[in-house]
């Protein structure tokens, strides 16, 4: 048993990793990477959230531009009437509306 311990203690890796400074540095590194409130894991989650929010912001900007264009188009009374007829099935008093649905467009 003593021979075995002596053999291990002469190993260069054992000497390196049993050094007090190395042990302290490894513990500090482990603490900062995983255990601290500002850990790398927390930063990775925040970066993912920032990326998702940026993508959502870009999608919403595109949607805002579409809505601005729609509002601009709806200022004309003819476009306004066309929009109401197509999207809300509105009609004039003397008209009838027939909605034709095909089998491939019906959602179950």
Protein backbone atom coordinates (compact mmCIF):
# COMPACT_ATOMS: atom_id res chain seq x y z
CA UNK A 1 0.00 0.00 0.00
CA UNK A 2 2.80 2.41 0.83
CA UNK A 3 4.59 1.48 -2.38
CA UNK A 4 1.47 2.17 -4.34
CA UNK A 5 0.99 5.58 -2.73
CA UNK A 6 4.65 6.43 -3.26
CA UNK A 7 4.39 5.46 -6.90
CA UNK A 8 1.29 7.63 -7.35
CA UNK A 9 2.81 10.58 -5.51
CA UNK A 10 5.82 10.54 -7.85
CA UNK A 11 3.59 10.86 -10.90
CA UNK A 12 3.90 14.32 -12.51
CA UNK A 13 0.14 14.71 -12.98
CA UNK A 14 -0.53 13.89 -9.37
CA UNK A 15 1.99 16.51 -8.28
CA UNK A 16 0.44 19.08 -10.56
CA UNK A 17 -3.17 18.49 -9.50
CA UNK A 18 -2.38 18.32 -5.80
CA UNK A 19 -0.78 21.72 -5.89
CA UNK A 20 -2.78 24.11 -3.70
CA UNK A 21 -2.87 26.84 -6.37
CA UNK A 22 -4.15 24.45 -9.02
CA UNK A 23 -6.86 23.10 -6.73
CA UNK A 24 -7.91 26.62 -5.77
CA UNK A 25 -7.93 27.75 -9.39
CA UNK A 26 -9.99 24.74 -10.49
CA UNK A 27 -12.50 25.30 -7.71
CA UNK A 28 -12.75 28.98 -8.60
CA UNK A 29 -13.21 28.16 -12.27
CA UNK A 30 -15.88 25.59 -11.49
CA UNK A 31 -17.67 28.05 -9.22
CA UNK A 32 -17.63 30.85 -11.79
CA UNK A 33 -18.75 28.65 -14.68
CA UNK A 34 -21.55 26.73 -13.01
CA UNK A 35 -22.45 27.85 -9.50
CA UNK A 36 -22.35 31.64 -9.50
CA UNK A 37 -25.44 33.78 -10.19
CA UNK A 38 -23.67 35.12 -13.29
CA UNK A 39 -22.64 31.70 -14.51
CA UNK A 40 -22.05 30.74 -18.11
CA UNK A 41 -25.24 28.69 -18.11
CA UNK A 42 -27.25 31.74 -17.04
CA UNK A 43 -25.56 33.87 -19.70
CA UNK A 44 -26.32 31.25 -22.35
CA UNK A 45 -29.99 31.28 -21.39
CA UNK A 46 -30.05 35.07 -21.51
CA UNK A 47 -28.38 35.09 -24.92
CA UNK A 48 -30.96 32.62 -26.23
CA UNK A 49 -33.75 34.80 -24.86
CA UNK A 50 -32.20 37.89 -26.47
CA UNK A 51 -31.99 36.06 -29.80
CA UNK A 52 -35.64 34.95 -29.56
CA UNK A 53 -36.81 38.44 -28.66
CA UNK A 54 -34.83 39.94 -31.53
CA UNK A 55 -36.45 37.51 -33.97
CA UNK A 56 -39.87 38.34 -32.55
CA UNK A 57 -39.13 42.07 -32.85
CA UNK A 58 -38.17 41.66 -36.51
CA UNK A 59 -41.33 39.67 -37.25
CA UNK A 60 -43.45 42.30 -35.52
CA UNK A 61 -41.75 45.09 -37.50
CA UNK A 62 -42.69 43.30 -40.72
CA UNK A 63 -46.25 42.89 -39.46
CA UNK A 64 -46.41 46.58 -38.53
CA UNK A 65 -45.31 47.53 -42.03
CA UNK A 66 -48.05 45.32 -43.50
CA UNK A 67 -50.63 46.91 -41.19
CA UNK A 68 -49.47 50.42 -42.10
CA UNK A 69 -49.87 49.54 -45.78
CA UNK A 70 -53.34 48.11 -45.08
CA UNK A 71 -54.36 51.26 -43.19
CA UNK A 72 -53.09 53.40 -46.03
CA UNK A 73 -55.06 51.30 -48.53
CA UNK A 74 -58.22 51.43 -46.41
CA UNK A 75 -58.33 55.23 -46.57
CA UNK A 76 -59.90 54.82 -50.02
CA UNK A 77 -63.62 54.01 -49.70
CA UNK A 78 -63.54 51.44 -52.51
CA UNK A 79 -60.72 49.49 -50.87
CA UNK A 80 -62.50 49.79 -47.53
CA UNK A 81 -65.66 48.27 -48.97
CA UNK A 82 -63.69 45.52 -50.74
CA UNK A 83 -61.90 44.63 -47.49
CA UNK A 84 -65.17 44.45 -45.55
CA UNK A 85 -66.79 42.25 -48.19
CA UNK A 86 -63.84 39.82 -48.47
CA UNK A 87 -62.98 39.44 -44.81
CA UNK A 88 -66.25 39.99 -42.95
CA UNK A 89 -68.75 38.87 -45.63
CA UNK A 90 -70.59 42.17 -45.45
CA UNK A 91 -73.15 42.96 -48.12
CA UNK A 92 -75.40 45.69 -49.34
CA UNK A 93 -79.12 45.50 -48.61
CA UNK A 94 -80.06 44.28 -52.08
CA UNK A 95 -77.33 41.62 -52.37
CA UNK A 96 -77.01 37.96 -51.50
CA UNK A 97 -73.72 36.31 -50.61
CA UNK A 98 -72.89 32.69 -51.34
CA UNK A 99 -69.82 31.17 -49.77
CA UNK A 100 -68.41 28.32 -51.82
CA UNK A 101 -66.13 25.92 -49.98
CA UNK A 102 -64.19 23.17 -51.68
CA UNK A 103 -63.45 19.85 -50.02
CA UNK A 104 -59.71 20.46 -49.99
CA UNK A 105 -60.09 23.86 -48.24
CA UNK A 106 -62.38 22.70 -45.43
CA UNK A 107 -60.53 22.13 -42.18
CA UNK A 108 -61.87 19.47 -39.86
